[in-house]
Protein backbone atom coordinates (compact mmCIF):
# COMPACT_ATOMS: atom_id res chain seq x y z
CA MET A 1 -11.16 39.13 34.76
CA ARG A 2 -8.17 38.84 36.66
CA LYS A 3 -9.15 35.81 38.66
CA ILE A 4 -9.46 34.49 34.37
CA PHE A 5 -6.20 35.34 33.67
CA LEU A 6 -4.67 34.13 36.93
CA LEU A 7 -6.14 30.62 36.56
CA VAL A 8 -4.96 30.27 32.96
CA SER A 9 -1.93 31.42 33.83
CA LEU A 10 -1.22 28.93 36.61
CA PHE A 11 -2.59 26.26 34.52
CA CYS A 12 0.12 26.86 31.33
CA PHE A 13 2.90 26.90 34.43
CA SER A 14 1.48 23.83 35.43
CA VAL A 15 2.04 22.25 31.90
CA LEU A 16 4.95 23.79 31.50
CA LEU A 17 6.15 21.99 34.85
CA PHE A 18 4.68 18.65 34.22
CA SER A 19 5.54 18.14 30.02
CA GLN A 20 9.35 18.10 28.79
CA SER A 21 10.31 16.95 25.70
CA ARG A 22 13.46 14.90 25.07
CA LYS A 23 15.44 14.21 22.04
CA ILE A 24 15.75 11.17 20.14
CA THR A 25 19.49 10.45 20.57
CA SER A 26 19.46 7.28 18.44
CA ALA A 27 17.13 5.26 16.42
CA GLU A 28 17.24 1.89 14.49
CA ILE A 29 14.24 1.47 11.44
CA ARG A 30 14.22 -1.60 10.26
CA TRP A 31 12.07 -2.45 6.79
CA LYS A 32 11.38 -5.30 5.07
CA ALA A 33 9.32 -5.96 1.79
CA TYR A 34 7.83 -8.93 0.38
CA LYS A 35 7.17 -10.49 -3.43
CA THR A 36 3.61 -11.46 -3.52
CA LEU A 37 5.02 -14.91 -2.37
CA LYS A 38 6.10 -14.35 1.00
CA THR A 39 9.04 -16.14 1.62
CA GLU A 40 12.43 -15.64 2.66
CA SER A 41 14.27 -15.71 -0.66
CA MET A 42 11.86 -12.98 -2.23
CA SER A 43 11.89 -10.50 0.21
CA HIS A 44 14.25 -7.39 0.50
CA PHE A 45 15.13 -5.97 4.22
CA GLY A 46 17.20 -2.96 5.17
CA THR A 47 17.24 0.29 7.61
CA VAL A 48 16.15 3.84 6.94
CA LYS A 49 17.85 6.63 9.05
CA LEU A 50 16.09 9.32 11.83
CA LYS A 51 16.77 13.04 10.54
CA SER A 52 15.42 14.11 14.24
CA GLY A 53 12.74 13.59 16.91
CA ASN A 54 11.91 14.06 20.05
CA LEU A 55 8.98 12.47 22.72
CA THR A 56 7.04 14.78 24.91
CA PHE A 57 6.45 13.43 28.19
CA ASN A 58 3.77 14.44 31.42
CA GLY A 59 5.67 13.42 34.49
CA ASN A 60 7.19 10.07 33.38
CA GLU A 61 4.48 9.44 31.42
CA LEU A 62 4.99 9.74 27.41
CA THR A 63 2.27 11.37 25.86
CA GLY A 64 3.37 12.35 22.22
CA GLY A 65 6.26 12.89 20.03
CA SER A 66 7.20 13.34 16.20
CA PHE A 67 9.43 11.87 14.26
CA VAL A 68 11.44 12.92 10.60
CA ILE A 69 12.98 10.03 8.50
CA ASP A 70 15.02 10.80 6.06
CA MET A 71 13.65 8.71 3.02
CA ASN A 72 17.09 9.38 1.25
CA THR A 73 19.27 6.41 3.67
CA VAL A 74 17.23 3.91 2.65
CA ASP A 75 19.59 0.78 2.60
CA ALA A 76 19.10 -2.23 1.29
CA GLU A 77 20.74 -4.74 3.15
CA ASP A 78 19.83 -7.66 1.93
CA MET A 79 21.97 -6.76 -1.30
CA ASN A 80 25.56 -5.84 0.27
CA GLY A 81 27.00 -9.17 -1.27
CA ASN A 82 25.81 -7.29 -5.00
CA PRO A 83 26.81 -3.63 -4.65
CA LYS A 84 25.62 -2.77 -8.42
CA GLN A 85 22.35 -4.61 -7.60
CA LYS A 86 21.99 -3.44 -3.81
CA LYS A 87 22.40 0.63 -5.61
CA PHE A 88 20.34 -0.32 -8.63
CA LEU A 89 17.53 -1.41 -5.76
CA GLU A 90 18.06 1.72 -3.30
CA ASN A 91 17.87 4.26 -6.19
CA HIS A 92 14.53 2.12 -7.46
CA LEU A 93 13.10 2.78 -3.91
CA LYS A 94 13.99 6.47 -3.78
CA SER A 95 12.59 7.25 -7.65
CA ASP A 96 9.13 8.39 -8.24
CA ASP A 97 8.18 4.54 -8.13
CA PHE A 98 8.25 4.49 -4.74
CA PHE A 99 9.12 7.11 -2.26
CA ASP A 100 9.95 9.94 -4.80
CA THR A 101 12.50 11.27 -2.43
CA GLU A 102 13.50 14.28 -4.80
CA LYS A 103 9.98 15.89 -4.19
CA PHE A 104 9.67 13.92 -0.52
CA PRO A 105 12.87 13.47 0.96
CA VAL A 106 10.93 13.03 4.54
CA ALA A 107 8.58 10.61 6.01
CA VAL A 108 6.98 12.12 9.24
CA PHE A 109 5.56 9.87 12.27
CA GLN A 110 3.56 12.16 15.34
CA ILE A 111 2.31 10.13 18.22
CA LYS A 112 -0.83 11.47 19.00
CA SER A 113 -1.98 8.28 21.38
CA VAL A 114 0.01 5.95 24.13
CA LYS A 115 -2.42 3.33 25.54
CA LYS A 116 -0.75 0.91 28.65
CA ILE A 117 -2.30 -2.46 27.22
CA PRO A 118 -3.57 -4.28 30.67
CA ASP A 119 -1.60 -6.76 32.58
CA LYS A 120 1.38 -6.40 30.30
CA ASN A 121 4.50 -4.97 31.56
CA ASN A 122 5.73 -1.77 29.69
CA ARG A 123 3.66 -2.27 26.87
CA PHE A 124 1.89 0.09 25.04
CA GLN A 125 -0.04 1.08 22.03
CA ILE A 126 0.68 3.76 20.22
CA GLY A 127 -1.12 5.71 17.82
CA GLY A 128 -0.77 8.34 15.38
CA ILE A 129 0.17 10.06 11.95
CA LEU A 130 1.84 8.75 9.10
CA ASN A 131 2.83 11.13 6.49
CA ILE A 132 4.94 9.52 3.36
CA LYS A 133 4.63 11.41 0.06
CA GLY A 134 2.58 13.69 1.64
CA ILE A 135 -0.03 11.21 2.38
CA SER A 136 -1.17 10.94 6.00
CA LYS A 137 -2.69 7.61 7.56
CA ASN A 138 -3.84 6.62 10.95
CA ILE A 139 -1.32 3.63 12.32
CA LEU A 140 -1.21 1.50 15.49
CA PHE A 141 1.56 -0.41 16.72
CA PRO A 142 2.18 -2.60 20.36
CA ALA A 143 5.77 -0.95 21.70
CA THR A 144 7.49 -1.46 25.14
CA VAL A 145 8.56 1.82 26.92
CA VAL A 146 11.19 1.64 29.33
CA GLU A 147 13.51 3.93 31.50
CA SER A 148 17.76 2.54 31.82
CA ASN A 149 20.04 4.79 32.86
CA GLY A 150 18.30 7.97 32.70
CA ALA A 151 17.34 7.01 28.67
CA ILE A 152 14.00 6.34 27.74
CA ILE A 153 14.19 3.18 25.13
CA ILE A 154 10.90 2.61 22.88
CA THR A 155 10.71 -0.81 20.96
CA SER A 156 8.10 -1.63 18.29
CA ALA A 157 6.53 -5.09 17.84
CA GLN A 158 6.89 -5.76 14.33
CA PHE A 159 4.00 -3.83 12.75
CA THR A 160 3.14 -3.18 8.76
CA PHE A 161 1.47 -0.39 6.82
CA ASN A 162 0.15 -0.63 3.29
CA ARG A 163 2.10 0.65 1.08
CA LYS A 164 -0.53 1.56 -1.52
CA HIS A 165 -1.99 3.61 0.86
CA PHE A 166 1.06 6.23 0.37
CA GLY A 167 0.75 5.95 -3.32
CA LEU A 168 3.76 3.18 -3.17
CA LYS A 169 3.10 1.55 -6.38
CA TYR A 170 5.12 0.47 -9.44
CA ASN A 171 3.88 0.14 -12.96
CA ILE A 172 0.79 -2.07 -13.13
CA PHE A 173 2.26 -5.48 -13.91
CA GLU A 174 5.35 -5.69 -11.58
CA ASP A 175 3.41 -4.10 -8.49
CA MET A 176 1.06 -7.22 -8.74
CA LEU A 177 3.98 -9.19 -8.09
CA ILE A 178 4.53 -7.34 -4.89
CA SER A 179 3.06 -7.47 -1.93
CA ASP A 180 1.01 -4.60 -0.53
CA GLU A 181 2.48 -4.86 3.27
CA VAL A 182 5.60 -3.45 4.70
CA GLU A 183 6.88 -4.81 8.01
CA MET A 184 8.73 -2.42 10.35
CA ASN A 185 10.93 -2.76 13.31
CA VAL A 186 11.84 0.39 15.08
CA LYS A 187 13.91 0.99 18.24
CA ILE A 188 14.55 4.65 19.72
CA MET A 189 16.45 6.20 22.53
CA ALA A 190 15.99 9.62 24.08
CA GLN A 191 17.64 11.61 26.41
């Protein structure tokens, strides 16, 4: 019994010794959505802010992490020239037609897998669970992971998610005019 306890204790100590968590100190989360005709003139784009987050490492190897996104910070940058329309669109996105931020003020992404892409410098396939409006779905995206001056920087390639999979639906007529795919780009830095 003492040997088993000693082995379990040694294992837990080694996990703690090599596993470390780093707090995310800055993030840029960009989104872009289109009407069904996918043209620049038929799109909206902007940002949403990270509320909190961390990355988990085993030695120098990224193994996990989690991100809490403040959905009340959705910003429609393409409407900056028209403050009234900008406010209308942002409030509409926060309403129960889309993100319903009164009931669901945050979205969460948890990294579940990190796989090196062969023959690509610092390129990884990151997989995890995205939770929007209480609905969880698996999502994958390629990203670069680099260390610079003691900071870890993760920069995703553009990836998409299907808004309807998360219950982001408008009334039936207007919804038919909106593309199901939302484009995302994410860049985070952890210390």
